[in-house]
Structure formats: C-alpha cells, structure tokens
Amino acid sequence: MTDHKIGQLLDSLGVTVDLEDGDMPVDAHVLLKVVKADGTVTLIKGVSESLDWITTLGMLTAALHIENNGYVSSRDDD
C-alpha cells in the first residue's frame, strides 16, 4: 500500500467546507469509506503532515460532539 495525495479525490467526491475570507486552514483529519476490489468495505484515515496525535484526538472528539449536538460559534452564542 502506498500513500496518495487526495486533494483531487476529495474534489471529485464533492467535499466542501464553509470558510470565510481570511480563514486559514492549518490541519486536516480525513476519514474515507473505501470499497475494496473484492467488495469489502473499510474505513481509512489521512492526516496532514503537521498534525500531531493529541490534536488529531481533539479534532476527532470535537467532530463527534458536533455530529451529536450541533455546533454554535461562541461569537454567535449571545
């Protein structure tokens, strides 16, 4: 198995994010559902080069919280 850059793959899958002007993405944690040649289904993950394990865990924990409870920006929470 070899590493592959996945920017074009994510584009072809229609992956989008909501960014505002001036936002600067610095890390990524990507989870992919893959159907193998033999028909089995698996999950694989990819992370940006600078992403350390503790930030990866924090991002995953935050993603679970957002999926389960929604997300409210502290700027919008009046």
N, C-alpha and C. Protein backbone atom coordinates (compact mmCIF):
# COMPACT_ATOMS: atom_id res chain seq x y z
N MET A 1 0.85 -1.17 0.00
CA MET A 1 0.00 0.00 0.00
C MET A 1 0.90 1.24 0.00
N THR A 2 0.55 2.22 -0.83
CA THR A 2 1.35 3.44 -0.90
C THR A 2 0.50 4.65 -0.55
N ASP A 3 1.15 5.70 -0.06
CA ASP A 3 0.45 6.94 0.26
C ASP A 3 0.08 7.68 -1.02
N HIS A 4 -1.08 8.30 -1.02
CA HIS A 4 -1.56 9.06 -2.16
C HIS A 4 -2.04 10.43 -1.69
N LYS A 5 -1.75 11.46 -2.43
CA LYS A 5 -2.34 12.77 -2.18
C LYS A 5 -3.80 12.68 -2.58
N ILE A 6 -4.71 13.28 -1.80
CA ILE A 6 -6.13 13.05 -2.04
C ILE A 6 -6.92 14.33 -2.35
N GLY A 7 -6.25 15.43 -2.63
CA GLY A 7 -6.96 16.67 -2.93
C GLY A 7 -7.95 16.51 -4.07
N GLN A 8 -7.50 15.96 -5.20
CA GLN A 8 -8.39 15.77 -6.35
C GLN A 8 -9.49 14.75 -6.05
N LEU A 9 -9.16 13.74 -5.25
CA LEU A 9 -10.17 12.75 -4.87
C LEU A 9 -11.28 13.42 -4.07
N LEU A 10 -10.91 14.25 -3.10
CA LEU A 10 -11.92 14.95 -2.31
C LEU A 10 -12.76 15.87 -3.18
N ASP A 11 -12.11 16.53 -4.16
CA ASP A 11 -12.84 17.38 -5.10
C ASP A 11 -13.85 16.55 -5.89
N SER A 12 -13.43 15.38 -6.37
CA SER A 12 -14.31 14.54 -7.18
C SER A 12 -15.49 13.99 -6.37
N LEU A 13 -15.30 13.86 -5.06
CA LEU A 13 -16.39 13.40 -4.19
C LEU A 13 -17.31 14.55 -3.78
N GLY A 14 -16.94 15.78 -4.15
CA GLY A 14 -17.78 16.94 -3.83
C GLY A 14 -17.63 17.43 -2.41
N VAL A 15 -16.50 17.17 -1.78
CA VAL A 15 -16.28 17.60 -0.41
C VAL A 15 -16.10 19.12 -0.38
N THR A 16 -16.87 19.78 0.49
CA THR A 16 -16.76 21.23 0.65
C THR A 16 -16.72 21.58 2.14
N VAL A 17 -16.22 22.75 2.44
CA VAL A 17 -16.25 23.29 3.80
C VAL A 17 -16.67 24.74 3.72
N ASP A 18 -17.21 25.26 4.81
CA ASP A 18 -17.67 26.64 4.89
C ASP A 18 -16.56 27.49 5.49
N LEU A 19 -15.82 28.20 4.65
CA LEU A 19 -14.75 29.07 5.10
C LEU A 19 -15.10 30.52 4.80
N GLU A 20 -14.69 31.42 5.66
CA GLU A 20 -14.88 32.84 5.43
C GLU A 20 -13.59 33.43 4.90
N ASP A 21 -13.69 34.59 4.24
CA ASP A 21 -12.50 35.29 3.77
C ASP A 21 -11.55 35.50 4.94
N GLY A 22 -10.29 35.19 4.74
CA GLY A 22 -9.29 35.36 5.79
C GLY A 22 -9.06 34.12 6.65
N ASP A 23 -9.96 33.13 6.57
CA ASP A 23 -9.75 31.88 7.31
C ASP A 23 -8.53 31.17 6.73
N MET A 24 -7.75 30.54 7.60
CA MET A 24 -6.54 29.86 7.16
C MET A 24 -6.52 28.43 7.70
N PRO A 25 -6.97 27.46 6.91
CA PRO A 25 -6.89 26.06 7.36
C PRO A 25 -5.44 25.67 7.61
N VAL A 26 -5.19 24.98 8.73
CA VAL A 26 -3.81 24.61 9.07
C VAL A 26 -3.60 23.11 9.21
N ASP A 27 -4.65 22.35 9.45
CA ASP A 27 -4.54 20.91 9.59
C ASP A 27 -5.80 20.24 9.07
N ALA A 28 -5.69 18.96 8.74
CA ALA A 28 -6.84 18.20 8.27
C ALA A 28 -6.77 16.77 8.79
N HIS A 29 -7.93 16.24 9.10
CA HIS A 29 -8.09 14.85 9.51
C HIS A 29 -9.23 14.32 8.64
N VAL A 30 -8.94 13.41 7.72
CA VAL A 30 -9.90 12.94 6.73
C VAL A 30 -10.21 11.47 6.99
N LEU A 31 -11.49 11.14 7.00
CA LEU A 31 -11.93 9.76 7.14
C LEU A 31 -12.63 9.36 5.84
N LEU A 32 -12.19 8.27 5.22
CA LEU A 32 -12.74 7.82 3.95
C LEU A 32 -13.35 6.42 4.08
N LYS A 33 -14.52 6.26 3.51
CA LYS A 33 -15.12 4.93 3.36
C LYS A 33 -14.68 4.42 2.00
N VAL A 34 -14.07 3.25 1.98
CA VAL A 34 -13.49 2.69 0.76
C VAL A 34 -14.08 1.31 0.49
N VAL A 35 -14.53 1.10 -0.75
CA VAL A 35 -14.95 -0.23 -1.19
C VAL A 35 -13.76 -0.85 -1.91
N LYS A 36 -13.25 -1.95 -1.36
CA LYS A 36 -12.09 -2.63 -1.93
C LYS A 36 -12.48 -3.39 -3.20
N ALA A 37 -11.48 -3.82 -3.97
CA ALA A 37 -11.71 -4.55 -5.21
C ALA A 37 -12.52 -5.83 -4.99
N ASP A 38 -12.38 -6.45 -3.80
CA ASP A 38 -13.12 -7.69 -3.52
C ASP A 38 -14.51 -7.43 -2.96
N GLY A 39 -14.91 -6.14 -2.87
CA GLY A 39 -16.24 -5.80 -2.40
C GLY A 39 -16.35 -5.49 -0.92
N THR A 40 -15.29 -5.74 -0.17
CA THR A 40 -15.33 -5.42 1.25
C THR A 40 -15.26 -3.90 1.44
N VAL A 41 -15.81 -3.45 2.55
CA VAL A 41 -15.84 -2.03 2.86
C VAL A 41 -14.96 -1.78 4.07
N THR A 42 -14.18 -0.71 4.00
CA THR A 42 -13.28 -0.38 5.09
C THR A 42 -13.25 1.13 5.29
N LEU A 43 -12.75 1.56 6.42
CA LEU A 43 -12.52 2.97 6.70
C LEU A 43 -11.02 3.20 6.77
N ILE A 44 -10.56 4.29 6.16
CA ILE A 44 -9.16 4.67 6.30
C ILE A 44 -9.11 6.14 6.64
N LYS A 45 -8.03 6.55 7.29
CA LYS A 45 -7.91 7.96 7.64
C LYS A 45 -6.61 8.52 7.09
N GLY A 46 -6.65 9.81 6.87
CA GLY A 46 -5.47 10.54 6.45
C GLY A 46 -5.37 11.81 7.28
N VAL A 47 -4.18 12.24 7.55
CA VAL A 47 -3.97 13.47 8.31
C VAL A 47 -2.91 14.32 7.61
N SER A 48 -2.97 15.61 7.85
CA SER A 48 -1.94 16.49 7.29
C SER A 48 -0.62 16.23 8.00
N GLU A 49 0.47 16.58 7.31
CA GLU A 49 1.81 16.25 7.80
C GLU A 49 2.10 16.81 9.19
N SER A 50 1.61 18.00 9.50
CA SER A 50 1.97 18.63 10.77
C SER A 50 1.04 18.24 11.92
N LEU A 51 0.05 17.41 11.66
CA LEU A 51 -0.93 17.08 12.69
C LEU A 51 -0.36 16.06 13.67
N ASP A 52 -0.30 16.45 14.95
CA ASP A 52 0.21 15.54 15.98
C ASP A 52 -0.95 14.72 16.56
N TRP A 53 -0.61 13.69 17.31
CA TRP A 53 -1.63 12.75 17.78
C TRP A 53 -2.63 13.39 18.73
N ILE A 54 -2.19 14.32 19.56
CA ILE A 54 -3.12 14.90 20.53
C ILE A 54 -4.11 15.84 19.85
N THR A 55 -3.67 16.57 18.83
CA THR A 55 -4.58 17.42 18.07
C THR A 55 -5.52 16.56 17.24
N THR A 56 -5.02 15.45 16.69
CA THR A 56 -5.87 14.51 15.96
C THR A 56 -6.99 14.01 16.86
N LEU A 57 -6.67 13.61 18.07
CA LEU A 57 -7.66 13.14 19.02
C LEU A 57 -8.66 14.24 19.37
N GLY A 58 -8.15 15.45 19.57
CA GLY A 58 -9.04 16.58 19.86
C GLY A 58 -9.99 16.88 18.72
N MET A 59 -9.48 16.84 17.49
CA MET A 59 -10.33 17.09 16.33
C MET A 59 -11.39 16.01 16.18
N LEU A 60 -11.02 14.77 16.41
CA LEU A 60 -11.98 13.66 16.32
C LEU A 60 -13.05 13.79 17.40
N THR A 61 -12.64 14.12 18.61
CA THR A 61 -13.58 14.30 19.71
C THR A 61 -14.54 15.46 19.42
N ALA A 62 -14.00 16.56 18.90
CA ALA A 62 -14.84 17.71 18.54
C ALA A 62 -15.82 17.34 17.43
N ALA A 63 -15.36 16.57 16.42
CA ALA A 63 -16.24 16.16 15.33
C ALA A 63 -17.39 15.31 15.85
N LEU A 64 -17.11 14.40 16.78
CA LEU A 64 -18.18 13.58 17.37
C LEU A 64 -19.18 14.46 18.11
N HIS A 65 -18.69 15.43 18.86
CA HIS A 65 -19.57 16.34 19.60
C HIS A 65 -20.45 17.14 18.63
N ILE A 66 -19.84 17.66 17.56
CA ILE A 66 -20.60 18.44 16.59
C ILE A 66 -21.65 17.57 15.90
N GLU A 67 -21.30 16.35 15.52
CA GLU A 67 -22.25 15.45 14.87
C GLU A 67 -23.42 15.11 15.80
N ASN A 68 -23.12 14.95 17.08
CA ASN A 68 -24.16 14.55 18.03
C ASN A 68 -24.99 15.72 18.56
N ASN A 69 -24.38 16.92 18.64
CA ASN A 69 -25.05 18.04 19.32
C ASN A 69 -25.17 19.30 18.49
N GLY A 70 -24.57 19.33 17.31
CA GLY A 70 -24.56 20.56 16.52
C GLY A 70 -23.43 21.46 16.97
N TYR A 71 -23.28 22.58 16.28
CA TYR A 71 -22.18 23.49 16.57
C TYR A 71 -22.71 24.91 16.62
N VAL A 72 -22.34 25.63 17.67
CA VAL A 72 -22.67 27.03 17.78
C VAL A 72 -21.36 27.77 18.01
N SER A 73 -21.05 28.72 17.12
CA SER A 73 -19.85 29.53 17.29
C SER A 73 -20.00 30.38 18.54
N SER A 74 -18.95 30.49 19.33
CA SER A 74 -19.02 31.31 20.54
C SER A 74 -19.31 32.76 20.20
N ARG A 75 -18.93 33.20 18.99
CA ARG A 75 -19.24 34.57 18.54
C ARG A 75 -20.74 34.75 18.36
N ASP A 76 -21.45 33.67 17.99
CA ASP A 76 -22.88 33.75 17.72
C ASP A 76 -23.71 33.40 18.95
N ASP A 77 -23.09 32.95 20.01
CA ASP A 77 -23.80 32.48 21.21
C ASP A 77 -24.04 33.67 22.15
N ASP A 78 -25.16 34.35 21.94
CA ASP A 78 -25.47 35.54 22.76
C ASP A 78 -26.39 35.20 23.89
